[in-house]
Amino acid sequence: MMTYFEVRQRLTNLTEFRSLFREYSQFTNRETNVAAKAVRQKMEPLAAMTVDSLRRVDLGSMVTRDAQTRGGRKIRINLIKAIFRDHVVRNFDVRDSEVLSLLDRGISSYQTRLWRQQLNLFNPLFWIYQIGVFLAYLPILIFRAAGYDTDKVTDLTSMRLLRLALQVAFFAALIKWSGLIDLIRFDILAL
């Protein structure tokens, strides 16, 4: 799960990449135009994070195109990375509208996630839940800090059950400490 700050950073990255791409798409002769090359150089450092950001919201940037030769295999092309390869754009008909549509869907998805994360910033139940998850994951973090390889252990059913038991114990202690159990018992006995 991405944090509020990570969502905000990825949204900023996507928005900046989109504005640079719109500026880049206005040039007609992109291969020899000096101004287009300058905009392209500004876009290149943002490309890796843009691809990763789209992947994280299940918007694959891969499209399938027919091969140039007759009877050849279909080719998968990454739309974001194809922007920087002029021969791919020319030969496989990568349209600017496809890239802009993909970026717009990514921005919309991150705006929705940002709105949810802003609500969670002030939701005490969310933070109580996050503390419970952290405490349940704490033994794995301790072993990882001690130098053990914990990748295989986290997938074991017994470790998942242990984490679930720790979460239940944390929430039971929290409910008992808050006095909510007494309130529930009082309501049941009053009936």
C-alpha atoms as a PDB file:
ATOM      1  CA  MET A   1       0.000   0.000   0.000  1.00  0.00           C
ATOM      2  CA  MET A   2       1.354   3.365  -1.007  1.00  0.00           C
ATOM      3  CA  THR A   3       1.538   6.199   1.487  1.00  0.00           C
ATOM      4  CA  TYR A   4       0.042   9.642   0.983  1.00  0.00           C
ATOM      5  CA  PHE A   5       3.443  11.129   0.210  1.00  0.00           C
ATOM      6  CA  GLU A   6       4.332   8.442  -2.337  1.00  0.00           C
ATOM      7  CA  VAL A   7       0.969   8.857  -4.089  1.00  0.00           C
ATOM      8  CA  ARG A   8       1.460  12.639  -4.189  1.00  0.00           C
ATOM      9  CA  GLN A   9       4.988  12.263  -5.586  1.00  0.00           C
ATOM     10  CA  ARG A  10       3.856   9.821  -8.281  1.00  0.00           C
ATOM     11  CA  LEU A  11       0.925  12.064  -9.217  1.00  0.00           C
ATOM     12  CA  THR A  12       3.286  15.031  -9.552  1.00  0.00           C
ATOM     13  CA  ASN A  13       5.624  12.927 -11.712  1.00  0.00           C
ATOM     14  CA  LEU A  14       2.806  11.781 -14.008  1.00  0.00           C
ATOM     15  CA  THR A  15       1.419  15.307 -14.336  1.00  0.00           C
ATOM     16  CA  GLU A  16       4.840  16.746 -15.179  1.00  0.00           C
ATOM     17  CA  PHE A  17       5.556  13.957 -17.670  1.00  0.00           C
ATOM     18  CA  ARG A  18       2.169  14.532 -19.334  1.00  0.00           C
ATOM     19  CA  SER A  19       2.717  18.284 -19.682  1.00  0.00           C
ATOM     20  CA  LEU A  20       6.195  17.712 -21.143  1.00  0.00           C
ATOM     21  CA  PHE A  21       4.816  15.106 -23.547  1.00  0.00           C
ATOM     22  CA  ARG A  22       2.061  17.477 -24.709  1.00  0.00           C
ATOM     23  CA  GLU A  23       4.725  20.087 -25.396  1.00  0.00           C
ATOM     24  CA  TYR A  24       6.855  17.460 -27.174  1.00  0.00           C
ATOM     25  CA  SER A  25       3.936  16.260 -29.305  1.00  0.00           C
ATOM     26  CA  GLN A  26       3.416  19.789 -30.708  1.00  0.00           C
ATOM     27  CA  PHE A  27       6.682  19.558 -32.676  1.00  0.00           C
ATOM     28  CA  THR A  28       6.339  18.188 -36.194  1.00  0.00           C
ATOM     29  CA  ASN A  29       9.939  17.215 -36.948  1.00  0.00           C
ATOM     30  CA  ARG A  30      11.031  15.790 -33.594  1.00  0.00           C
ATOM     31  CA  GLU A  31      14.209  14.070 -34.778  1.00  0.00           C
ATOM     32  CA  THR A  32      16.061  17.207 -35.896  1.00  0.00           C
ATOM     33  CA  ASN A  33      14.322  19.974 -33.942  1.00  0.00           C
ATOM     34  CA  VAL A  34      16.607  21.315 -31.199  1.00  0.00           C
ATOM     35  CA  ALA A  35      13.733  22.481 -28.986  1.00  0.00           C
ATOM     36  CA  ALA A  36      12.065  19.066 -29.240  1.00  0.00           C
ATOM     37  CA  LYS A  37      15.296  17.375 -28.219  1.00  0.00           C
ATOM     38  CA  ALA A  38      15.541  19.651 -25.175  1.00  0.00           C
ATOM     39  CA  VAL A  39      12.018  18.726 -24.064  1.00  0.00           C
ATOM     40  CA  ARG A  40      12.794  15.076 -24.694  1.00  0.00           C
ATOM     41  CA  GLN A  41      15.863  15.302 -22.464  1.00  0.00           C
ATOM     42  CA  LYS A  42      13.663  16.701 -19.672  1.00  0.00           C
ATOM     43  CA  MET A  43      11.265  13.757 -20.111  1.00  0.00           C
ATOM     44  CA  GLU A  44      13.866  10.978 -20.052  1.00  0.00           C
ATOM     45  CA  PRO A  45      14.632  11.047 -16.283  1.00  0.00           C
ATOM     46  CA  LEU A  46      10.893  10.882 -15.515  1.00  0.00           C
ATOM     47  CA  ALA A  47      10.209   7.916 -17.815  1.00  0.00           C
ATOM     48  CA  ALA A  48      11.260   5.107 -15.446  1.00  0.00           C
ATOM     49  CA  MET A  49       9.097   6.373 -12.601  1.00  0.00           C
ATOM     50  CA  THR A  50       6.222   6.967 -15.013  1.00  0.00           C
ATOM     51  CA  VAL A  51       6.325   3.362 -16.218  1.00  0.00           C
ATOM     52  CA  ASP A  52       6.508   2.105 -12.621  1.00  0.00           C
ATOM     53  CA  SER A  53       3.677   4.413 -11.527  1.00  0.00           C
ATOM     54  CA  LEU A  54       1.403   3.155 -14.298  1.00  0.00           C
ATOM     55  CA  ARG A  55       2.285  -0.446 -13.456  1.00  0.00           C
ATOM     56  CA  ARG A  56       1.404   0.086  -9.788  1.00  0.00           C
ATOM     57  CA  VAL A  57      -2.160   1.109 -10.644  1.00  0.00           C
ATOM     58  CA  ASP A  58      -2.588  -1.809 -13.060  1.00  0.00           C
ATOM     59  CA  LEU A  59      -2.318   0.330 -16.172  1.00  0.00           C
ATOM     60  CA  GLY A  60       0.195  -1.578 -18.199  1.00  0.00           C
ATOM     61  CA  SER A  61       1.928   0.636 -20.689  1.00  0.00           C
ATOM     62  CA  MET A  62       2.451  -2.318 -23.050  1.00  0.00           C
ATOM     63  CA  VAL A  63       0.548  -2.590 -26.328  1.00  0.00           C
ATOM     64  CA  THR A  64       0.669  -5.306 -28.978  1.00  0.00           C
ATOM     65  CA  ARG A  65       1.396  -4.456 -32.587  1.00  0.00           C
ATOM     66  CA  ASP A  66       1.597  -6.589 -35.709  1.00  0.00           C
ATOM     67  CA  ALA A  67       5.062  -7.350 -36.956  1.00  0.00           C
ATOM     68  CA  GLN A  68       6.397  -5.454 -39.933  1.00  0.00           C
ATOM     69  CA  THR A  69       6.912  -8.613 -41.926  1.00  0.00           C
ATOM     70  CA  ARG A  70       4.004 -10.648 -43.146  1.00  0.00           C
ATOM     71  CA  GLY A  71       3.339 -13.650 -40.938  1.00  0.00           C
ATOM     72  CA  GLY A  72       5.727 -12.414 -38.266  1.00  0.00           C
ATOM     73  CA  ARG A  73       5.095 -12.549 -34.545  1.00  0.00           C
ATOM     74  CA  LYS A  74       3.218  -9.793 -32.804  1.00  0.00           C
ATOM     75  CA  ILE A  75       5.424  -7.385 -30.891  1.00  0.00           C
ATOM     76  CA  ARG A  76       4.786  -5.914 -27.453  1.00  0.00           C
ATOM     77  CA  ILE A  77       5.753  -2.257 -27.176  1.00  0.00           C
ATOM     78  CA  ASN A  78       6.006  -0.121 -24.059  1.00  0.00           C
ATOM     79  CA  LEU A  79       4.275   3.132 -25.010  1.00  0.00           C
ATOM     80  CA  ILE A  80       6.242   5.328 -22.604  1.00  0.00           C
ATOM     81  CA  LYS A  81       9.639   3.958 -23.595  1.00  0.00           C
ATOM     82  CA  ALA A  82       8.709   4.007 -27.287  1.00  0.00           C
ATOM     83  CA  ILE A  83       8.467   7.795 -27.168  1.00  0.00           C
ATOM     84  CA  PHE A  84      12.256   7.969 -27.019  1.00  0.00           C
ATOM     85  CA  ARG A  85      12.816   5.646 -29.977  1.00  0.00           C
ATOM     86  CA  ASP A  86      11.867   7.411 -33.196  1.00  0.00           C
ATOM     87  CA  HIS A  87      12.082   4.292 -35.359  1.00  0.00           C
ATOM     88  CA  VAL A  88       9.574   2.492 -33.072  1.00  0.00           C
ATOM     89  CA  VAL A  89       7.150   5.429 -33.235  1.00  0.00           C
ATOM     90  CA  ARG A  90       7.404   5.495 -37.027  1.00  0.00           C
ATOM     91  CA  ASN A  91       7.341   1.763 -37.753  1.00  0.00           C
ATOM     92  CA  PHE A  92       4.715   0.640 -35.241  1.00  0.00           C
ATOM     93  CA  ASP A  93       2.303   3.570 -35.430  1.00  0.00           C
ATOM     94  CA  VAL A  94       2.563   4.780 -31.842  1.00  0.00           C
ATOM     95  CA  ARG A  95       0.092   7.655 -31.728  1.00  0.00           C
ATOM     96  CA  ASP A  96       0.361  10.567 -29.315  1.00  0.00           C
ATOM     97  CA  SER A  97      -3.314  10.170 -28.417  1.00  0.00           C
ATOM     98  CA  GLU A  98      -2.640   6.646 -27.082  1.00  0.00           C
ATOM     99  CA  VAL A  99       0.114   7.878 -24.811  1.00  0.00           C
ATOM    100  CA  LEU A 100      -1.940  10.846 -23.595  1.00  0.00           C
ATOM    101  CA  SER A 101      -4.928   8.604 -22.908  1.00  0.00           C
ATOM    102  CA  LEU A 102      -2.745   6.244 -20.872  1.00  0.00           C
ATOM    103  CA  LEU A 103      -1.254   9.131 -18.901  1.00  0.00           C
ATOM    104  CA  ASP A 104      -4.712  10.647 -18.282  1.00  0.00           C
ATOM    105  CA  ARG A 105      -6.020   7.346 -16.894  1.00  0.00           C
ATOM    106  CA  GLY A 106      -2.959   7.089 -14.643  1.00  0.00           C
ATOM    107  CA  ILE A 107      -3.402  10.642 -13.373  1.00  0.00           C
ATOM    108  CA  SER A 108      -7.091  10.014 -12.702  1.00  0.00           C
ATOM    109  CA  SER A 109      -6.284   6.840 -10.779  1.00  0.00           C
ATOM    110  CA  TYR A 110      -3.667   8.602  -8.655  1.00  0.00           C
ATOM    111  CA  GLN A 111      -6.018  11.530  -7.969  1.00  0.00           C
ATOM    112  CA  THR A 112      -8.568   9.044  -6.604  1.00  0.00           C
ATOM    113  CA  ARG A 113      -5.901   7.361  -4.478  1.00  0.00           C
ATOM    114  CA  LEU A 114      -4.677  10.732  -3.213  1.00  0.00           C
ATOM    115  CA  TRP A 115      -8.201  11.652  -2.147  1.00  0.00           C
ATOM    116  CA  ARG A 116      -8.520   8.352  -0.237  1.00  0.00           C
ATOM    117  CA  GLN A 117      -5.126   8.866   1.386  1.00  0.00           C
ATOM    118  CA  GLN A 118      -6.082  12.404   2.446  1.00  0.00           C
ATOM    119  CA  LEU A 119      -9.140  10.975   4.199  1.00  0.00           C
ATOM    120  CA  ASN A 120      -6.983   8.367   5.925  1.00  0.00           C
ATOM    121  CA  LEU A 121      -4.569  11.013   7.236  1.00  0.00           C
ATOM    122  CA  PHE A 122      -7.211  12.155   9.713  1.00  0.00           C
ATOM    123  CA  ASN A 123      -8.921   8.819  10.331  1.00  0.00           C
ATOM    124  CA  PRO A 124      -7.878   7.443  13.754  1.00  0.00           C
ATOM    125  CA  LEU A 125      -9.153   3.948  12.916  1.00  0.00           C
ATOM    126  CA  PHE A 126      -6.810   3.810   9.942  1.00  0.00           C
ATOM    127  CA  TRP A 127      -3.832   4.699  12.130  1.00  0.00           C
ATOM    128  CA  ILE A 128      -4.824   2.193  14.810  1.00  0.00           C
ATOM    129  CA  TYR A 129      -5.029  -0.475  12.130  1.00  0.00           C
ATOM    130  CA  GLN A 130      -1.628   0.546  10.723  1.00  0.00           C
ATOM    131  CA  ILE A 131      -0.051   0.307  14.186  1.00  0.00           C
ATOM    132  CA  GLY A 132      -1.534  -3.189  14.560  1.00  0.00           C
ATOM    133  CA  VAL A 133      -0.124  -4.261  11.201  1.00  0.00           C
ATOM    134  CA  PHE A 134       3.277  -2.831  12.106  1.00  0.00           C
ATOM    135  CA  LEU A 135       3.352  -4.642  15.450  1.00  0.00           C
ATOM    136  CA  ALA A 136       2.356  -7.896  13.779  1.00  0.00           C
ATOM    137  CA  TYR A 137       5.146  -7.444  11.230  1.00  0.00           C
ATOM    138  CA  LEU A 138       7.701  -6.376  13.855  1.00  0.00           C
ATOM    139  CA  PRO A 139       9.233  -9.856  14.450  1.00  0.00           C
ATOM    140  CA  ILE A 140      10.014 -10.155  10.740  1.00  0.00           C
ATOM    141  CA  LEU A 141      11.585  -6.685  10.725  1.00  0.00           C
ATOM    142  CA  ILE A 142      13.750  -7.587  13.721  1.00  0.00           C
ATOM    143  CA  PHE A 143      15.002 -10.769  12.057  1.00  0.00           C
ATOM    144  CA  ARG A 144      15.643  -8.878   8.821  1.00  0.00           C
ATOM    145  CA  ALA A 145      17.658  -6.247  10.710  1.00  0.00           C
ATOM    146  CA  ALA A 146      19.643  -9.067  12.361  1.00  0.00           C
ATOM    147  CA  GLY A 147      20.701 -10.257   8.910  1.00  0.00           C
ATOM    148  CA  TYR A 148      18.358 -13.168   8.254  1.00  0.00           C
ATOM    149  CA  ASP A 149      16.732 -13.693   4.873  1.00  0.00           C
ATOM    150  CA  THR A 150      13.007 -13.358   5.603  1.00  0.00           C
ATOM    151  CA  ASP A 151      11.633 -13.472   2.061  1.00  0.00           C
ATOM    152  CA  LYS A 152      10.618 -17.139   2.213  1.00  0.00           C
ATOM    153  CA  VAL A 153       9.353 -16.896   5.793  1.00  0.00           C
ATOM    154  CA  THR A 154       6.792 -14.182   5.052  1.00  0.00           C
ATOM    155  CA  ASP A 155       4.994 -16.460   2.578  1.00  0.00           C
ATOM    156  CA  LEU A 156       4.621 -19.371   5.011  1.00  0.00           C
ATOM    157  CA  THR A 157       1.123 -20.089   6.271  1.00  0.00           C
ATOM    158  CA  SER A 158       2.377 -20.418   9.843  1.00  0.00           C
ATOM    159  CA  MET A 159       3.883 -16.912   9.712  1.00  0.00           C
ATOM    160  CA  ARG A 160       0.661 -15.505   8.310  1.00  0.00           C
ATOM    161  CA  LEU A 161      -1.257 -17.163  11.153  1.00  0.00           C
ATOM    162  CA  LEU A 162       1.220 -15.738  13.670  1.00  0.00           C
ATOM    163  CA  ARG A 163       0.799 -12.246  12.232  1.00  0.00           C
ATOM    164  CA  LEU A 164      -2.985 -12.648  12.334  1.00  0.00           C
ATOM    165  CA  ALA A 165      -2.812 -13.797  15.965  1.00  0.00           C
ATOM    166  CA  LEU A 166      -0.635 -10.809  16.879  1.00  0.00           C
ATOM    167  CA  GLN A 167      -3.075  -8.440  15.190  1.00  0.00           C
ATOM    168  CA  VAL A 168      -6.047  -9.984  16.998  1.00  0.00           C
ATOM    169  CA  ALA A 169      -4.180  -9.770  20.312  1.00  0.00           C
ATOM    170  CA  PHE A 170      -3.326  -6.109  19.680  1.00  0.00           C
ATOM    171  CA  PHE A 171      -6.912  -5.195  18.850  1.00  0.00           C
ATOM    172  CA  ALA A 172      -8.248  -7.179  21.825  1.00  0.00           C
ATOM    173  CA  ALA A 173      -5.846  -5.322  24.137  1.00  0.00           C
ATOM    174  CA  LEU A 174      -6.832  -2.020  22.553  1.00  0.00           C
ATOM    175  CA  ILE A 175     -10.538  -2.722  23.025  1.00  0.00           C
ATOM    176  CA  LYS A 176      -9.976  -3.813  26.628  1.00  0.00           C
ATOM    177  CA  TRP A 177      -7.827  -0.770  27.356  1.00  0.00           C
ATOM    178  CA  SER A 178     -10.348   1.620  25.837  1.00  0.00           C
ATOM    179  CA  GLY A 179     -13.201   0.267  27.959  1.00  0.00           C
ATOM    180  CA  LEU A 180     -15.266  -0.699  24.942  1.00  0.00           C
ATOM    181  CA  ILE A 181     -15.781  -4.228  26.301  1.00  0.00           C
ATOM    182  CA  ASP A 182     -17.372  -2.872  29.467  1.00  0.00           C
ATOM    183  CA  LEU A 183     -19.694  -0.705  27.411  1.00  0.00           C
ATOM    184  CA  ILE A 184     -20.728  -3.685  25.263  1.00  0.00           C
ATOM    185  CA  ARG A 185     -21.314  -5.897  28.350  1.00  0.00           C
ATOM    186  CA  PHE A 186     -23.357  -3.155  29.967  1.00  0.00           C
ATOM    187  CA  ASP A 187     -25.573  -2.854  26.882  1.00  0.00           C
ATOM    188  CA  ILE A 188     -26.089  -6.625  26.670  1.00  0.00           C
ATOM    189  CA  LEU A 189     -26.952  -6.929  30.371  1.00  0.00           C
ATOM    190  CA  ALA A 190     -29.321  -3.975  30.198  1.00  0.00           C
ATOM    191  CA  LEU A 191     -31.486  -5.810  27.669  1.00  0.00           C
END
